[in-house]
Structure formats: structure tokens, C-alpha cells
Amino acid sequence: MSDARFDSDPEQDTRTAGFAERVRANQQKLTAAELKPHYDFIVCGSGSSGSVVARRLAENVEVNVLLLEAGGSDDMPKHHGSRPMAL
């Protein structure tokens, strides 16, 4: 049996706790969102093509579009300084 001891890194623990709190806050915000019981179109994935398709569909005010994205968070420093792309 090993006597290996794993000490926790307080800085990593703080970052992990902060991330967990942001996830909880985001989930509460999403749960509070009023989703419609019916959508005319559901677009899965907001990558380069999904976002264009969803935007074009949403230009029609008579159409209800739901855009689903399961990707990771953009809560990273490298994303905060970038400019949005013009469509």
C-alpha cells in the first residue's frame, strides 16, 4: 500500500469553487428563462453554420427559433478581448 500524500492546491481549489459558483448561477438563470412550449425551428449547434442558419431564420418575426448549444463556456480570458464577427 502506498504512502503517497496528495496535498490540495489552495489556488486551484479557489478557481474550482469559483467555477462551480458560476455554473450554479448560470443554471439558475437558464432555469428562470421562459422557454416556449413550441418552436418552429430548432437548430442544434451554434458553430459557424448553425449560428448563420439560426440568425437567418430569426429574421422572420413570425418564426420562433430555438438555438441549442452544448459546448463549453466562453468564460476564458482569451475570449473577453476579442471582437464579435459581423454577419
PDB file of N, CA and C in Angstrom:
ATOM      1  N   MET A   1       0.844  -1.171   0.000  1.00  0.00           N
ATOM      2  CA  MET A   1       0.000   0.000   0.000  1.00  0.00           C
ATOM      3  C   MET A   1       0.889   1.233   0.000  1.00  0.00           C
ATOM      4  N   SER A   2       0.547   2.219  -0.773  1.00  0.00           N
ATOM      5  CA  SER A   2       1.361   3.410  -0.949  1.00  0.00           C
ATOM      6  C   SER A   2       1.098   4.416   0.157  1.00  0.00           C
ATOM      7  N   ASP A   3       2.172   5.143   0.528  1.00  0.00           N
ATOM      8  CA  ASP A   3       2.038   6.231   1.483  1.00  0.00           C
ATOM      9  C   ASP A   3       1.958   7.577   0.764  1.00  0.00           C
ATOM     10  N   ALA A   4       1.622   7.563  -0.529  1.00  0.00           N
ATOM     11  CA  ALA A   4       1.572   8.803  -1.303  1.00  0.00           C
ATOM     12  C   ALA A   4       0.557   9.753  -0.683  1.00  0.00           C
ATOM     13  N   ARG A   5       0.991  11.005  -0.568  1.00  0.00           N
ATOM     14  CA  ARG A   5       0.119  12.018   0.017  1.00  0.00           C
ATOM     15  C   ARG A   5      -0.137  13.088  -1.036  1.00  0.00           C
ATOM     16  N   PHE A   6      -1.382  13.423  -1.229  1.00  0.00           N
ATOM     17  CA  PHE A   6      -1.755  14.425  -2.212  1.00  0.00           C
ATOM     18  C   PHE A   6      -2.260  15.661  -1.486  1.00  0.00           C
ATOM     19  N   ASP A   7      -1.443  16.702  -1.529  1.00  0.00           N
ATOM     20  CA  ASP A   7      -1.844  17.965  -0.917  1.00  0.00           C
ATOM     21  C   ASP A   7      -2.661  18.752  -1.930  1.00  0.00           C
ATOM     22  N   SER A   8      -3.705  19.387  -1.464  1.00  0.00           N
ATOM     23  CA  SER A   8      -4.507  20.192  -2.376  1.00  0.00           C
ATOM     24  C   SER A   8      -3.809  21.531  -2.602  1.00  0.00           C
ATOM     25  N   ASP A   9      -4.054  22.090  -3.752  1.00  0.00           N
ATOM     26  CA  ASP A   9      -3.511  23.390  -4.135  1.00  0.00           C
ATOM     27  C   ASP A   9      -4.578  24.434  -3.821  1.00  0.00           C
ATOM     28  N   PRO A  10      -4.350  25.307  -2.841  1.00  0.00           N
ATOM     29  CA  PRO A  10      -5.383  26.289  -2.460  1.00  0.00           C
ATOM     30  C   PRO A  10      -5.817  27.183  -3.620  1.00  0.00           C
ATOM     31  N   GLU A  11      -4.875  27.549  -4.498  1.00  0.00           N
ATOM     32  CA  GLU A  11      -5.233  28.397  -5.637  1.00  0.00           C
ATOM     33  C   GLU A  11      -6.168  27.646  -6.585  1.00  0.00           C
ATOM     34  N   GLN A  12      -5.851  26.379  -6.850  1.00  0.00           N
ATOM     35  CA  GLN A  12      -6.703  25.555  -7.718  1.00  0.00           C
ATOM     36  C   GLN A  12      -8.071  25.343  -7.070  1.00  0.00           C
ATOM     37  N   ASP A  13      -8.091  25.126  -5.754  1.00  0.00           N
ATOM     38  CA  ASP A  13      -9.360  24.940  -5.049  1.00  0.00           C
ATOM     39  C   ASP A  13     -10.235  26.186  -5.171  1.00  0.00           C
ATOM     40  N   THR A  14      -9.615  27.372  -5.085  1.00  0.00           N
ATOM     41  CA  THR A  14     -10.361  28.627  -5.209  1.00  0.00           C
ATOM     42  C   THR A  14     -10.932  28.779  -6.609  1.00  0.00           C
ATOM     43  N   ARG A  15     -10.109  28.465  -7.627  1.00  0.00           N
ATOM     44  CA  ARG A  15     -10.594  28.554  -9.012  1.00  0.00           C
ATOM     45  C   ARG A  15     -11.732  27.570  -9.252  1.00  0.00           C
ATOM     46  N   THR A  16     -11.600  26.366  -8.721  1.00  0.00           N
ATOM     47  CA  THR A  16     -12.639  25.350  -8.897  1.00  0.00           C
ATOM     48  C   THR A  16     -13.934  25.792  -8.217  1.00  0.00           C
ATOM     49  N   ALA A  17     -13.820  26.337  -7.016  1.00  0.00           N
ATOM     50  CA  ALA A  17     -15.016  26.809  -6.298  1.00  0.00           C
ATOM     51  C   ALA A  17     -15.661  27.962  -7.052  1.00  0.00           C
ATOM     52  N   GLY A  18     -14.842  28.870  -7.598  1.00  0.00           N
ATOM     53  CA  GLY A  18     -15.378  29.992  -8.372  1.00  0.00           C
ATOM     54  C   GLY A  18     -16.098  29.517  -9.619  1.00  0.00           C
ATOM     55  N   PHE A  19     -15.510  28.535 -10.296  1.00  0.00           N
ATOM     56  CA  PHE A  19     -16.137  27.979 -11.492  1.00  0.00           C
ATOM     57  C   PHE A  19     -17.464  27.311 -11.137  1.00  0.00           C
ATOM     58  N   ALA A  20     -17.468  26.544 -10.058  1.00  0.00           N
ATOM     59  CA  ALA A  20     -18.695  25.859  -9.637  1.00  0.00           C
ATOM     60  C   ALA A  20     -19.799  26.868  -9.334  1.00  0.00           C
ATOM     61  N   GLU A  21     -19.438  27.989  -8.710  1.00  0.00           N
ATOM     62  CA  GLU A  21     -20.436  29.014  -8.396  1.00  0.00           C
ATOM     63  C   GLU A  21     -20.977  29.662  -9.661  1.00  0.00           C
ATOM     64  N   ARG A  22     -20.102  29.918 -10.658  1.00  0.00           N
ATOM     65  CA  ARG A  22     -20.563  30.484 -11.925  1.00  0.00           C
ATOM     66  C   ARG A  22     -21.492  29.514 -12.648  1.00  0.00           C
ATOM     67  N   VAL A  23     -21.190  28.218 -12.575  1.00  0.00           N
ATOM     68  CA  VAL A  23     -22.057  27.209 -13.199  1.00  0.00           C
ATOM     69  C   VAL A  23     -23.422  27.213 -12.529  1.00  0.00           C
ATOM     70  N   ARG A  24     -23.438  27.240 -11.196  1.00  0.00           N
ATOM     71  CA  ARG A  24     -24.725  27.268 -10.469  1.00  0.00           C
ATOM     72  C   ARG A  24     -25.540  28.509 -10.837  1.00  0.00           C
ATOM     73  N   ALA A  25     -24.892  29.667 -10.888  1.00  0.00           N
ATOM     74  CA  ALA A  25     -25.596  30.912 -11.230  1.00  0.00           C
ATOM     75  C   ALA A  25     -26.135  30.844 -12.651  1.00  0.00           C
ATOM     76  N   ASN A  26     -25.355  30.301 -13.577  1.00  0.00           N
ATOM     77  CA  ASN A  26     -25.800  30.178 -14.963  1.00  0.00           C
ATOM     78  C   ASN A  26     -26.990  29.225 -15.071  1.00  0.00           C
ATOM     79  N   GLN A  27     -26.948  28.114 -14.354  1.00  0.00           N
ATOM     80  CA  GLN A  27     -28.059  27.164 -14.387  1.00  0.00           C
ATOM     81  C   GLN A  27     -29.329  27.780 -13.816  1.00  0.00           C
ATOM     82  N   GLN A  28     -29.199  28.565 -12.758  1.00  0.00           N
ATOM     83  CA  GLN A  28     -30.378  29.238 -12.186  1.00  0.00           C
ATOM     84  C   GLN A  28     -30.963  30.230 -13.178  1.00  0.00           C
ATOM     85  N   LYS A  29     -30.091  30.962 -13.877  1.00  0.00           N
ATOM     86  CA  LYS A  29     -30.554  31.918 -14.869  1.00  0.00           C
ATOM     87  C   LYS A  29     -31.272  31.196 -16.006  1.00  0.00           C
ATOM     88  N   LEU A  30     -30.720  30.083 -16.455  1.00  0.00           N
ATOM     89  CA  LEU A  30     -31.339  29.336 -17.548  1.00  0.00           C
ATOM     90  C   LEU A  30     -32.656  28.710 -17.124  1.00  0.00           C
ATOM     91  N   THR A  31     -32.724  28.248 -15.890  1.00  0.00           N
ATOM     92  CA  THR A  31     -33.959  27.648 -15.380  1.00  0.00           C
ATOM     93  C   THR A  31     -35.052  28.699 -15.291  1.00  0.00           C
ATOM     94  N   ALA A  32     -34.668  29.932 -14.970  1.00  0.00           N
ATOM     95  CA  ALA A  32     -35.648  31.010 -14.832  1.00  0.00           C
ATOM     96  C   ALA A  32     -36.105  31.537 -16.194  1.00  0.00           C
ATOM     97  N   ALA A  33     -35.386  31.199 -17.258  1.00  0.00           N
ATOM     98  CA  ALA A  33     -35.758  31.681 -18.597  1.00  0.00           C
ATOM     99  C   ALA A  33     -37.106  31.091 -18.985  1.00  0.00           C
ATOM    100  N   GLU A  34     -37.864  31.897 -19.678  1.00  0.00           N
ATOM    101  CA  GLU A  34     -39.173  31.433 -20.109  1.00  0.00           C
ATOM    102  C   GLU A  34     -39.052  30.798 -21.490  1.00  0.00           C
ATOM    103  N   LEU A  35     -39.000  29.484 -21.513  1.00  0.00           N
ATOM    104  CA  LEU A  35     -38.953  28.770 -22.779  1.00  0.00           C
ATOM    105  C   LEU A  35     -40.368  28.585 -23.290  1.00  0.00           C
ATOM    106  N   LYS A  36     -40.508  28.636 -24.582  1.00  0.00           N
ATOM    107  CA  LYS A  36     -41.820  28.460 -25.193  1.00  0.00           C
ATOM    108  C   LYS A  36     -42.141  26.968 -25.291  1.00  0.00           C
ATOM    109  N   PRO A  37     -43.411  26.618 -25.269  1.00  0.00           N
ATOM    110  CA  PRO A  37     -43.766  25.194 -25.400  1.00  0.00           C
ATOM    111  C   PRO A  37     -43.639  24.683 -26.838  1.00  0.00           C
ATOM    112  N   HIS A  38     -43.484  25.605 -27.804  1.00  0.00           N
ATOM    113  CA  HIS A  38     -43.435  25.214 -29.216  1.00  0.00           C
ATOM    114  C   HIS A  38     -42.460  26.110 -29.968  1.00  0.00           C
ATOM    115  N   TYR A  39     -41.670  25.517 -30.848  1.00  0.00           N
ATOM    116  CA  TYR A  39     -40.761  26.277 -31.715  1.00  0.00           C
ATOM    117  C   TYR A  39     -40.972  25.816 -33.145  1.00  0.00           C
ATOM    118  N   ASP A  40     -40.865  26.749 -34.077  1.00  0.00           N
ATOM    119  CA  ASP A  40     -40.986  26.403 -35.484  1.00  0.00           C
ATOM    120  C   ASP A  40     -39.725  25.700 -35.993  1.00  0.00           C
ATOM    121  N   PHE A  41     -38.584  26.130 -35.461  1.00  0.00           N
ATOM    122  CA  PHE A  41     -37.306  25.535 -35.849  1.00  0.00           C
ATOM    123  C   PHE A  41     -36.437  25.365 -34.615  1.00  0.00           C
ATOM    124  N   ILE A  42     -35.736  24.243 -34.552  1.00  0.00           N
ATOM    125  CA  ILE A  42     -34.736  24.022 -33.510  1.00  0.00           C
ATOM    126  C   ILE A  42     -33.419  23.765 -34.228  1.00  0.00           C
ATOM    127  N   VAL A  43     -32.450  24.626 -33.949  1.00  0.00           N
ATOM    128  CA  VAL A  43     -31.128  24.496 -34.564  1.00  0.00           C
ATOM    129  C   VAL A  43     -30.185  23.945 -33.501  1.00  0.00           C
ATOM    130  N   CYS A  44     -29.549  22.826 -33.795  1.00  0.00           N
ATOM    131  CA  CYS A  44     -28.627  22.198 -32.850  1.00  0.00           C
ATOM    132  C   CYS A  44     -27.199  22.557 -33.220  1.00  0.00           C
ATOM    133  N   GLY A  45     -26.550  23.287 -32.344  1.00  0.00           N
ATOM    134  CA  GLY A  45     -25.167  23.687 -32.551  1.00  0.00           C
ATOM    135  C   GLY A  45     -25.071  25.104 -33.061  1.00  0.00           C
ATOM    136  N   SER A  46     -24.279  25.910 -32.367  1.00  0.00           N
ATOM    137  CA  SER A  46     -24.133  27.305 -32.787  1.00  0.00           C
ATOM    138  C   SER A  46     -22.745  27.557 -33.364  1.00  0.00           C
ATOM    139  N   GLY A  47     -22.236  26.574 -34.070  1.00  0.00           N
ATOM    140  CA  GLY A  47     -20.970  26.756 -34.763  1.00  0.00           C
ATOM    141  C   GLY A  47     -21.157  27.701 -35.939  1.00  0.00           C
ATOM    142  N   SER A  48     -20.208  27.686 -36.845  1.00  0.00           N
ATOM    143  CA  SER A  48     -20.257  28.650 -37.951  1.00  0.00           C
ATOM    144  C   SER A  48     -21.520  28.517 -38.790  1.00  0.00           C
ATOM    145  N   SER A  49     -21.961  27.319 -39.071  1.00  0.00           N
ATOM    146  CA  SER A  49     -23.169  27.182 -39.894  1.00  0.00           C
ATOM    147  C   SER A  49     -24.447  27.290 -39.065  1.00  0.00           C
ATOM    148  N   GLY A  50     -24.460  26.714 -37.858  1.00  0.00           N
ATOM    149  CA  GLY A  50     -25.661  26.766 -37.022  1.00  0.00           C
ATOM    150  C   GLY A  50     -26.058  28.175 -36.649  1.00  0.00           C
ATOM    151  N   SER A  51     -25.076  29.015 -36.337  1.00  0.00           N
ATOM    152  CA  SER A  51     -25.400  30.392 -35.962  1.00  0.00           C
ATOM    153  C   SER A  51     -25.942  31.184 -37.146  1.00  0.00           C
ATOM    154  N   VAL A  52     -25.416  30.918 -38.335  1.00  0.00           N
ATOM    155  CA  VAL A  52     -25.922  31.603 -39.533  1.00  0.00           C
ATOM    156  C   VAL A  52     -27.350  31.162 -39.834  1.00  0.00           C
ATOM    157  N   VAL A  53     -27.594  29.873 -39.755  1.00  0.00           N
ATOM    158  CA  VAL A  53     -28.942  29.347 -40.015  1.00  0.00           C
ATOM    159  C   VAL A  53     -29.936  29.930 -39.006  1.00  0.00           C
ATOM    160  N   ALA A  54     -29.578  29.917 -37.720  1.00  0.00           N
ATOM    161  CA  ALA A  54     -30.476  30.429 -36.686  1.00  0.00           C
ATOM    162  C   ALA A  54     -30.761  31.918 -36.893  1.00  0.00           C
ATOM    163  N   ARG A  55     -29.719  32.681 -37.245  1.00  0.00           N
ATOM    164  CA  ARG A  55     -29.918  34.110 -37.465  1.00  0.00           C
ATOM    165  C   ARG A  55     -30.845  34.365 -38.642  1.00  0.00           C
ATOM    166  N   ARG A  56     -30.613  33.649 -39.726  1.00  0.00           N
ATOM    167  CA  ARG A  56     -31.468  33.852 -40.916  1.00  0.00           C
ATOM    168  C   ARG A  56     -32.920  33.493 -40.618  1.00  0.00           C
ATOM    169  N   LEU A  57     -33.128  32.400 -39.901  1.00  0.00           N
ATOM    170  CA  LEU A  57     -34.493  32.010 -39.546  1.00  0.00           C
ATOM    171  C   LEU A  57     -35.133  33.049 -38.623  1.00  0.00           C
ATOM    172  N   ALA A  58     -34.363  33.564 -37.678  1.00  0.00           N
ATOM    173  CA  ALA A  58     -34.891  34.504 -36.685  1.00  0.00           C
ATOM    174  C   ALA A  58     -35.172  35.885 -37.266  1.00  0.00           C
ATOM    175  N   GLU A  59     -34.711  36.154 -38.471  1.00  0.00           N
ATOM    176  CA  GLU A  59     -35.021  37.437 -39.102  1.00  0.00           C
ATOM    177  C   GLU A  59     -36.517  37.582 -39.360  1.00  0.00           C
ATOM    178  N   ASN A  60     -37.203  36.474 -39.489  1.00  0.00           N
ATOM    179  CA  ASN A  60     -38.649  36.477 -39.667  1.00  0.00           C
ATOM    180  C   ASN A  60     -39.291  36.542 -38.286  1.00  0.00           C
ATOM    181  N   VAL A  61     -39.934  37.651 -37.957  1.00  0.00           N
ATOM    182  CA  VAL A  61     -40.504  37.841 -36.616  1.00  0.00           C
ATOM    183  C   VAL A  61     -41.666  36.894 -36.319  1.00  0.00           C
ATOM    184  N   GLU A  62     -42.206  36.252 -37.347  1.00  0.00           N
ATOM    185  CA  GLU A  62     -43.320  35.323 -37.145  1.00  0.00           C
ATOM    186  C   GLU A  62     -42.847  33.903 -36.842  1.00  0.00           C
ATOM    187  N   VAL A  63     -41.540  33.705 -36.790  1.00  0.00           N
ATOM    188  CA  VAL A  63     -40.979  32.371 -36.586  1.00  0.00           C
ATOM    189  C   VAL A  63     -40.302  32.313 -35.220  1.00  0.00           C
ATOM    190  N   ASN A  64     -40.534  31.230 -34.481  1.00  0.00           N
ATOM    191  CA  ASN A  64     -39.872  31.001 -33.200  1.00  0.00           C
ATOM    192  C   ASN A  64     -38.732  30.019 -33.416  1.00  0.00           C
ATOM    193  N   VAL A  65     -37.510  30.446 -33.056  1.00  0.00           N
ATOM    194  CA  VAL A  65     -36.312  29.642 -33.266  1.00  0.00           C
ATOM    195  C   VAL A  65     -35.648  29.374 -31.920  1.00  0.00           C
ATOM    196  N   LEU A  66     -35.281  28.129 -31.692  1.00  0.00           N
ATOM    197  CA  LEU A  66     -34.522  27.750 -30.506  1.00  0.00           C
ATOM    198  C   LEU A  66     -33.158  27.291 -30.976  1.00  0.00           C
ATOM    199  N   LEU A  67     -32.108  27.900 -30.442  1.00  0.00           N
ATOM    200  CA  LEU A  67     -30.733  27.528 -30.778  1.00  0.00           C
ATOM    201  C   LEU A  67     -30.136  26.824 -29.569  1.00  0.00           C
ATOM    202  N   LEU A  68     -29.784  25.559 -29.748  1.00  0.00           N
ATOM    203  CA  LEU A  68     -29.197  24.766 -28.665  1.00  0.00           C
ATOM    204  C   LEU A  68     -27.694  24.652 -28.863  1.00  0.00           C
ATOM    205  N   GLU A  69     -26.958  24.841 -27.788  1.00  0.00           N
ATOM    206  CA  GLU A  69     -25.503  24.687 -27.837  1.00  0.00           C
ATOM    207  C   GLU A  69     -25.054  23.960 -26.584  1.00  0.00           C
ATOM    208  N   ALA A  70     -24.304  22.913 -26.755  1.00  0.00           N
ATOM    209  CA  ALA A  70     -23.821  22.133 -25.616  1.00  0.00           C
ATOM    210  C   ALA A  70     -22.333  22.322 -25.398  1.00  0.00           C
ATOM    211  N   GLY A  71     -21.739  23.257 -26.111  1.00  0.00           N
ATOM    212  CA  GLY A  71     -20.305  23.474 -25.996  1.00  0.00           C
ATOM    213  C   GLY A  71     -19.924  24.079 -24.662  1.00  0.00           C
ATOM    214  N   GLY A  72     -18.637  24.235 -24.475  1.00  0.00           N
ATOM    215  CA  GLY A  72     -18.111  24.792 -23.239  1.00  0.00           C
ATOM    216  C   GLY A  72     -18.388  26.275 -23.108  1.00  0.00           C
ATOM    217  N   SER A  73     -18.039  26.786 -21.978  1.00  0.00           N
ATOM    218  CA  SER A  73     -18.238  28.191 -21.670  1.00  0.00           C
ATOM    219  C   SER A  73     -17.207  29.050 -22.388  1.00  0.00           C
ATOM    220  N   ASP A  74     -17.556  30.284 -22.671  1.00  0.00           N
ATOM    221  CA  ASP A  74     -16.580  31.215 -23.219  1.00  0.00           C
ATOM    222  C   ASP A  74     -16.023  32.087 -22.104  1.00  0.00           C
ATOM    223  N   ASP A  75     -16.150  31.618 -20.875  1.00  0.00           N
ATOM    224  CA  ASP A  75     -15.679  32.349 -19.704  1.00  0.00           C
ATOM    225  C   ASP A  75     -14.170  32.143 -19.538  1.00  0.00           C
ATOM    226  N   MET A  76     -13.432  32.547 -20.559  1.00  0.00           N
ATOM    227  CA  MET A  76     -11.980  32.418 -20.541  1.00  0.00           C
ATOM    228  C   MET A  76     -11.384  33.761 -20.950  1.00  0.00           C
ATOM    229  N   PRO A  77     -10.262  34.146 -20.360  1.00  0.00           N
ATOM    230  CA  PRO A  77      -9.667  35.450 -20.671  1.00  0.00           C
ATOM    231  C   PRO A  77      -9.422  35.673 -22.162  1.00  0.00           C
ATOM    232  N   LYS A  78      -9.043  34.644 -22.898  1.00  0.00           N
ATOM    233  CA  LYS A  78      -8.749  34.841 -24.318  1.00  0.00           C
ATOM    234  C   LYS A  78      -9.992  35.221 -25.123  1.00  0.00           C
ATOM    235  N   HIS A  79     -11.207  34.949 -24.596  1.00  0.00           N
ATOM    236  CA  HIS A  79     -12.445  35.277 -25.303  1.00  0.00           C
ATOM    237  C   HIS A  79     -12.934  36.687 -24.980  1.00  0.00           C
ATOM    238  N   HIS A  80     -12.508  37.239 -23.869  1.00  0.00           N
ATOM    239  CA  HIS A  80     -13.061  38.515 -23.425  1.00  0.00           C
ATOM    240  C   HIS A  80     -12.559  39.711 -24.216  1.00  0.00           C
ATOM    241  N   GLY A  81     -11.402  39.621 -24.842  1.00  0.00           N
ATOM    242  CA  GLY A  81     -10.869  40.750 -25.563  1.00  0.00           C
ATOM    243  C   GLY A  81     -11.146  40.723 -27.055  1.00  0.00           C
ATOM    244  N   SER A  82     -11.787  39.670 -27.525  1.00  0.00           N
ATOM    245  CA  SER A  82     -11.995  39.553 -28.965  1.00  0.00           C
ATOM    246  C   SER A  82     -13.198  40.348 -29.420  1.00  0.00           C
ATOM    247  N   ARG A  83     -13.168  40.761 -30.672  1.00  0.00           N
ATOM    248  CA  ARG A  83     -14.288  41.483 -31.267  1.00  0.00           C
ATOM    249  C   ARG A  83     -15.283  40.508 -31.857  1.00  0.00           C
ATOM    250  N   PRO A  84     -16.578  40.794 -31.777  1.00  0.00           N
ATOM    251  CA  PRO A  84     -17.566  39.912 -32.403  1.00  0.00           C
ATOM    252  C   PRO A  84     -17.466  39.996 -33.922  1.00  0.00           C
ATOM    253  N   MET A  85     -17.753  38.891 -34.570  1.00  0.00           N
ATOM    254  CA  MET A  85     -17.734  38.865 -36.032  1.00  0.00           C
ATOM    255  C   MET A  85     -19.009  39.477 -36.578  1.00  0.00           C
ATOM    256  N   ALA A  86     -18.889  40.240 -37.630  1.00  0.00           N
ATOM    257  CA  ALA A  86     -20.062  40.806 -38.306  1.00  0.00           C
ATOM    258  C   ALA A  86     -20.606  39.768 -39.271  1.00  0.00           C
ATOM    259  N   LEU A  87     -21.912  39.625 -39.290  1.00  0.00           N
ATOM    260  CA  LEU A  87     -22.531  38.663 -40.201  1.00  0.00           C
ATOM    261  C   LEU A  87     -23.085  39.375 -41.413  1.00  0.00           C
TER     262      LEU A  87
END
